Amino acid sequence: MNRVASKWAVTGWHHLSFERPEDWSIGAVTGDHSSGYLRLDDTEMPRFELRWERTRGREPVDQVVSRYLKNITGKAGKKGPPVKVRRDLGLIKAESALADRTVEGFHWRTEGPDPLQAYGCLWMCETCGRTVFAQVLGRGGESMMTRASRLLNTLDDHARGDNATWAVYGLHIELPSDYALVQHSFLTGRIELTFQLGSARLELVRMSLAEMHLENRTFPDWFQATYGNEIDHWTDGAGSYHGHPSIRGTGEGVDPETVHTRMTWLPWRRSRKKPLSCCSWHCIDGNKIFVLRHLDEKLRPDYLDGIAGTVICH
């Protein structure tokens, strides 16, 4: 089925970022900054695959492409439909994208009663030292060249400047590029991302269906019941964050790295606390709640305010 997406959105993950049709969502994600895999699906099938890994020595890019495509064609097996491959396609047009990369574009297509196809590219980036493999998938009868070209030409593999974009499931935040993602959780109605920079820890939680969480309580009452035990000083600041009812507070939070599950009665195994800066707001327009917590050796509420200002909440 040929369908043209009316809206496009940004996905940002481990310093990889690209534009994609808004109705494509994450179907699978694994790995970290060094190596990993991300797949986007629509309601019918997988639509985009992205793999990245540390570049291995000086292996020529055409040999790496051959290795990846051999893996794809090999999966068909002797009884599977044959696969036709075209290589050396000039899918990446932007000069800035070609400046620090060795790139090869390709197209493959299966034959048979239910053919599939993909436009993709593989490159090695001299700046970040990663090899990136990306392909846009479709049915054999789809006209997908324009869509694939648009996505692939927006694909970037490292931060441009001091900040990096993190954007998944409609959540969008800009963070200093030195932050590394150490934990993530995608649950229905709740997204949690945890970042580390040295000894500092930044936690972001987005909850959908805010009215269900509030349970007829005011936003300050909900915040007090949920996070008040960590906050010594907190203020209501209506309009402080994106024009929404908000809370800003400081206190002490438990450092998760010091939490032990065994022999906690020993003094040296007791959990330790760190200065905590926290901000939270109720996005009425999107019916969502956002919570940002920053654990560091010193309180930095103004620093957290700057990060909160990069969140796109509706």
Protein backbone atom coordinates (compact mmCIF):
# COMPACT_ATOMS: atom_id res chain seq x y z
CA MET A 1 0.00 0.00 0.00
CA ASN A 2 1.39 3.41 -0.94
CA ARG A 3 0.89 5.99 1.75
CA VAL A 4 2.48 9.38 2.13
CA ALA A 5 2.98 10.59 5.70
CA SER A 6 1.71 14.14 6.16
CA LYS A 7 3.95 14.81 9.16
CA TRP A 8 7.54 14.00 9.99
CA ALA A 9 9.19 13.98 13.40
CA VAL A 10 12.71 13.72 14.81
CA THR A 11 14.18 10.64 16.47
CA GLY A 12 17.37 11.06 18.51
CA TRP A 13 19.18 8.16 20.17
CA HIS A 14 22.83 7.81 21.30
CA HIS A 15 23.80 10.85 19.20
CA LEU A 16 22.16 9.39 16.08
CA SER A 17 19.33 11.57 14.81
CA PHE A 18 17.05 11.60 11.79
CA GLU A 19 13.61 12.62 10.56
CA ARG A 20 10.98 9.94 10.01
CA PRO A 21 7.24 9.71 9.29
CA GLU A 22 5.35 10.54 12.47
CA ASP A 23 3.39 7.28 12.48
CA TRP A 24 6.53 5.13 12.67
CA SER A 25 7.35 4.11 16.24
CA ILE A 26 10.11 2.13 17.93
CA GLY A 27 9.66 -1.61 17.50
CA ALA A 28 13.02 -2.69 18.92
CA VAL A 29 16.05 -1.01 20.45
CA THR A 30 19.23 -2.47 21.94
CA GLY A 31 22.82 -1.48 22.68
CA ASP A 32 24.61 1.67 23.71
CA HIS A 33 26.66 4.46 22.14
CA SER A 34 29.34 2.08 20.86
CA SER A 35 27.09 -0.45 19.15
CA GLY A 36 23.39 -1.02 18.88
CA TYR A 37 20.26 -1.54 16.84
CA LEU A 38 17.04 0.46 16.42
CA ARG A 39 13.98 -0.52 14.38
CA LEU A 40 10.91 1.55 13.54
CA ASP A 41 7.56 -0.04 12.60
CA ASP A 42 4.25 1.19 11.30
CA THR A 43 0.98 -0.71 11.70
CA GLU A 44 1.90 -3.10 8.88
CA MET A 45 5.60 -3.98 9.04
CA PRO A 46 9.12 -2.88 10.00
CA ARG A 47 9.94 0.32 8.09
CA PHE A 48 13.43 1.37 9.12
CA GLU A 49 16.47 -0.40 10.53
CA LEU A 50 19.53 1.31 11.96
CA ARG A 51 22.69 -0.42 13.18
CA TRP A 52 25.86 1.13 14.45
CA GLU A 53 29.17 -0.18 15.74
CA ARG A 54 32.73 0.93 16.29
CA THR A 55 34.65 0.96 13.02
CA ARG A 56 36.89 -2.08 12.80
CA GLY A 57 40.41 -1.21 11.72
CA ARG A 58 40.74 -0.13 8.11
CA GLU A 59 38.27 -2.48 6.42
CA PRO A 60 37.14 -0.79 3.14
CA VAL A 61 33.56 0.40 3.10
CA ASP A 62 32.68 -1.73 0.06
CA GLN A 63 33.76 -4.85 1.96
CA VAL A 64 31.62 -3.86 4.93
CA VAL A 65 28.63 -3.34 2.60
CA SER A 66 29.28 -6.77 1.08
CA ARG A 67 29.29 -8.30 4.56
CA TYR A 68 25.98 -6.68 5.53
CA LEU A 69 24.27 -7.50 2.23
CA LYS A 70 25.54 -11.08 2.34
CA ASN A 71 23.84 -11.42 5.71
CA ILE A 72 20.58 -10.12 4.22
CA THR A 73 20.66 -12.27 1.10
CA GLY A 74 21.86 -15.28 3.05
CA LYS A 75 18.75 -15.22 5.23
CA ALA A 76 16.64 -16.08 2.20
CA GLY A 77 18.32 -19.48 1.99
CA LYS A 78 18.13 -21.90 -0.90
CA LYS A 79 14.34 -22.18 -0.66
CA GLY A 80 13.69 -18.46 -0.23
CA PRO A 81 12.96 -15.97 -3.00
CA PRO A 82 16.04 -14.66 -4.84
CA VAL A 83 17.33 -11.22 -3.93
CA LYS A 84 18.43 -8.64 -6.47
CA VAL A 85 20.97 -6.10 -5.26
CA ARG A 86 22.07 -2.76 -6.74
CA ARG A 87 25.08 -1.02 -5.24
CA ASP A 88 26.95 2.29 -5.50
CA LEU A 89 23.76 4.36 -5.43
CA GLY A 90 24.19 8.06 -4.68
CA LEU A 91 21.45 8.31 -2.07
CA ILE A 92 23.22 10.84 0.18
CA LYS A 93 23.20 14.26 -1.47
CA ALA A 94 24.19 16.70 1.29
CA GLU A 95 27.81 17.79 0.96
CA SER A 96 28.09 18.29 4.72
CA ALA A 97 27.10 14.64 5.24
CA LEU A 98 29.75 13.43 2.80
CA ALA A 99 32.57 15.59 4.18
CA ASP A 100 33.69 13.24 6.97
CA ARG A 101 32.24 9.93 5.77
CA THR A 102 32.93 7.16 3.29
CA VAL A 103 29.46 6.27 2.01
CA GLU A 104 27.90 3.62 -0.21
CA GLY A 105 24.19 3.45 -1.07
CA PHE A 106 22.34 0.32 -2.14
CA HIS A 107 18.95 -1.15 -3.03
CA TRP A 108 17.78 -4.72 -2.68
CA ARG A 109 14.56 -6.42 -3.68
CA THR A 110 13.19 -9.92 -3.25
CA GLU A 111 11.22 -11.70 -5.92
CA GLY A 112 8.19 -13.88 -5.41
CA PRO A 113 4.52 -13.51 -4.47
CA ASP A 114 5.14 -11.04 -1.61
CA PRO A 115 8.26 -9.07 -2.59
CA LEU A 116 10.09 -6.73 -0.24
CA GLN A 117 12.63 -4.02 -0.96
CA ALA A 118 14.89 -1.57 0.82
CA TYR A 119 16.93 1.52 0.06
CA GLY A 120 19.85 1.99 2.38
CA CYS A 121 23.36 3.16 2.91
CA LEU A 122 26.41 2.30 4.93
CA TRP A 123 29.12 4.69 5.98
CA MET A 124 32.14 5.06 8.18
CA CYS A 125 32.39 8.35 10.03
CA GLU A 126 35.85 9.75 10.74
CA THR A 127 34.51 12.16 13.38
CA CYS A 128 32.77 9.72 15.74
CA GLY A 129 34.55 6.52 14.68
CA ARG A 130 31.35 4.59 14.06
CA THR A 131 30.13 2.50 11.15
CA VAL A 132 26.43 3.09 10.45
CA PHE A 133 24.11 0.83 8.47
CA ALA A 134 20.62 2.15 7.69
CA GLN A 135 17.84 0.92 5.44
CA VAL A 136 14.26 1.99 4.72
CA LEU A 137 11.99 -1.01 4.04
CA GLY A 138 8.86 -1.40 1.97
CA ARG A 139 6.66 -3.70 -0.08
CA GLY A 140 7.82 -4.58 -3.55
CA GLY A 141 5.12 -2.50 -5.23
CA GLU A 142 5.65 0.66 -3.18
CA SER A 143 7.15 3.83 -4.61
CA MET A 144 9.48 4.64 -1.73
CA MET A 145 12.56 6.27 -3.23
CA THR A 146 11.53 9.81 -2.23
CA ARG A 147 10.70 8.83 1.35
CA ALA A 148 13.88 6.81 1.76
CA SER A 149 16.05 9.59 0.34
CA ARG A 150 14.53 12.16 2.68
CA LEU A 151 15.12 10.04 5.77
CA LEU A 152 18.66 8.98 4.86
CA ASN A 153 19.69 12.55 4.06
CA THR A 154 18.62 13.71 7.52
CA LEU A 155 20.49 10.89 9.29
CA ASP A 156 23.39 12.11 11.41
CA ASP A 157 25.66 10.03 13.63
CA HIS A 158 27.13 12.53 16.07
CA ALA A 159 26.21 15.72 17.85
CA ARG A 160 26.77 18.97 15.98
CA GLY A 161 27.88 21.44 18.63
CA ASP A 162 27.69 21.16 22.39
CA ASN A 163 24.27 19.50 22.66
CA ALA A 164 22.77 16.21 21.49
CA THR A 165 19.13 15.50 20.70
CA TRP A 166 17.26 12.72 22.49
CA ALA A 167 13.82 12.18 20.96
CA VAL A 168 11.60 9.09 21.26
CA TYR A 169 7.83 8.54 21.41
CA GLY A 170 7.14 12.26 21.12
CA LEU A 171 9.55 13.11 23.95
CA HIS A 172 12.26 15.59 22.93
CA ILE A 173 15.11 16.98 25.04
CA GLU A 174 18.48 18.58 24.30
CA LEU A 175 21.37 17.61 26.59
CA PRO A 176 25.09 18.40 26.72
CA SER A 177 26.70 15.86 24.42
CA ASP A 178 28.90 14.54 27.26
CA TYR A 179 25.87 12.91 28.92
CA ALA A 180 25.61 9.16 28.35
CA LEU A 181 22.38 7.20 28.55
CA VAL A 182 22.77 4.48 31.20
CA GLN A 183 19.17 3.29 31.63
CA HIS A 184 15.89 3.55 29.79
CA SER A 185 12.38 2.20 30.20
CA PHE A 186 9.53 2.38 27.68
CA LEU A 187 6.28 1.37 29.35
CA THR A 188 2.74 2.12 28.26
CA GLY A 189 2.08 5.64 29.46
CA ARG A 190 5.51 6.09 31.07
CA ILE A 191 8.97 6.82 29.65
CA GLU A 192 12.09 6.99 31.84
CA LEU A 193 15.56 8.03 30.67
CA THR A 194 18.59 8.16 32.96
CA PHE A 195 21.84 9.86 31.97
CA GLN A 196 25.26 10.00 33.61
CA LEU A 197 28.01 12.60 33.38
CA GLY A 198 30.86 11.80 35.76
CA SER A 199 29.26 11.51 39.18
CA ALA A 200 26.19 13.53 38.15
CA ARG A 201 22.96 11.72 37.34
CA LEU A 202 20.03 13.16 35.38
CA GLU A 203 16.65 11.43 35.37
CA LEU A 204 13.73 12.29 33.10
CA VAL A 205 10.25 10.81 33.51
CA ARG A 206 7.28 11.51 31.27
CA MET A 207 3.87 10.21 32.29
CA SER A 208 0.93 10.18 29.91
CA LEU A 209 -2.70 10.36 31.05
CA ALA A 210 -1.84 12.94 33.69
CA GLU A 211 -5.41 13.25 34.95
CA MET A 212 -5.37 9.56 35.84
CA HIS A 213 -2.21 10.05 37.95
CA LEU A 214 -3.52 13.18 39.64
CA GLU A 215 -6.72 11.42 40.73
CA ASN A 216 -8.58 14.70 41.28
CA ARG A 217 -5.66 16.14 43.28
CA THR A 218 -4.00 19.41 42.46
CA PHE A 219 -0.62 19.12 40.79
CA PRO A 220 1.25 20.39 43.92
CA ASP A 221 -0.59 17.84 46.08
CA TRP A 222 0.35 15.03 43.68
CA PHE A 223 3.97 16.15 43.62
CA GLN A 224 4.13 16.38 47.41
CA ALA A 225 2.74 12.86 47.78
CA THR A 226 5.07 11.39 45.12
CA TYR A 227 8.36 13.24 45.57
CA GLY A 228 7.93 15.39 48.68
CA ASN A 229 10.01 13.10 50.92
CA GLU A 230 13.15 14.10 48.96
CA ILE A 231 12.48 17.84 48.77
CA ASP A 232 13.43 20.20 51.62
CA HIS A 233 12.63 23.44 49.85
CA TRP A 234 10.10 23.64 47.07
CA THR A 235 7.96 26.31 45.45
CA ASP A 236 4.96 26.43 43.15
CA GLY A 237 5.88 28.33 40.03
CA ALA A 238 2.87 28.50 37.76
CA GLY A 239 4.06 29.37 34.30
CA SER A 240 7.73 28.68 35.10
CA TYR A 241 8.02 25.77 32.67
CA HIS A 242 6.44 26.10 29.24
CA GLY A 243 3.51 28.05 30.67
CA HIS A 244 2.25 25.12 32.75
CA PRO A 245 1.66 24.56 36.49
CA SER A 246 5.05 23.59 37.85
CA ILE A 247 7.16 22.74 40.88
CA ARG A 248 10.81 23.56 41.55
CA GLY A 249 12.64 22.15 44.55
CA THR A 250 15.92 21.16 46.15
CA GLY A 251 16.80 18.54 48.72
CA GLU A 252 18.62 15.22 49.02
CA GLY A 253 18.11 12.10 46.94
CA VAL A 254 19.43 8.57 47.30
CA ASP A 255 22.39 7.84 45.04
CA PRO A 256 21.30 4.64 43.20
CA GLU A 257 24.91 3.49 42.85
CA THR A 258 25.15 3.14 46.64
CA VAL A 259 21.94 1.09 47.05
CA HIS A 260 22.66 -2.45 48.23
CA THR A 261 20.18 -5.28 48.58
CA ARG A 262 22.17 -7.43 51.03
CA MET A 263 23.57 -6.72 54.50
CA THR A 264 22.25 -3.19 54.49
CA TRP A 265 22.57 -3.11 58.27
CA LEU A 266 26.33 -2.67 57.88
CA PRO A 267 27.27 1.03 58.11
CA TRP A 268 29.43 0.96 54.98
CA ARG A 269 26.61 -0.59 52.94
CA ARG A 270 24.01 2.00 53.77
CA SER A 271 22.67 4.07 50.91
CA ARG A 272 24.19 7.51 50.56
CA LYS A 273 22.47 10.71 49.56
CA LYS A 274 23.45 13.50 47.20
CA PRO A 275 22.20 17.04 46.72
CA LEU A 276 19.10 16.91 44.53
CA SER A 277 17.60 19.51 42.22
CA CYS A 278 14.14 18.72 40.89
CA CYS A 279 11.59 20.33 38.61
CA SER A 280 8.25 19.04 37.40
CA TRP A 281 5.30 20.36 35.46
CA HIS A 282 1.83 19.35 34.35
CA CYS A 283 1.40 19.79 30.59
CA ILE A 284 -2.32 20.41 30.40
CA ASP A 285 -2.31 20.62 26.60
CA GLY A 286 -0.78 17.17 26.22
CA ASN A 287 -2.26 15.64 29.40
CA LYS A 288 1.25 14.70 30.57
CA ILE A 289 3.46 15.09 33.62
CA PHE A 290 7.20 15.69 33.33
CA VAL A 291 9.72 15.19 36.14
CA LEU A 292 13.42 16.05 35.95
CA ARG A 293 15.79 15.11 38.78
CA HIS A 294 19.47 16.02 38.92
CA LEU A 295 21.78 14.40 41.50
CA ASP A 296 25.19 16.02 41.83
CA GLU A 297 27.80 16.89 44.44
CA LYS A 298 26.26 20.35 44.69
CA LEU A 299 22.83 21.81 44.10
CA ARG A 300 22.38 23.17 40.58
CA PRO A 301 18.72 24.21 40.17
CA ASP A 302 19.55 26.88 37.57
CA TYR A 303 21.42 24.30 35.50
CA LEU A 304 18.39 22.01 35.63
CA ASP A 305 16.14 24.91 34.61
CA GLY A 306 18.20 25.29 31.44
CA ILE A 307 17.79 21.61 30.56
CA ALA A 308 14.05 21.72 31.31
CA GLY A 309 13.75 24.60 28.85
CA THR A 310 14.82 22.32 25.98
CA VAL A 311 11.98 19.83 26.54
CA ILE A 312 9.23 19.93 23.93
CA CYS A 313 6.18 18.85 25.88
CA HIS A 314 3.28 19.47 23.45
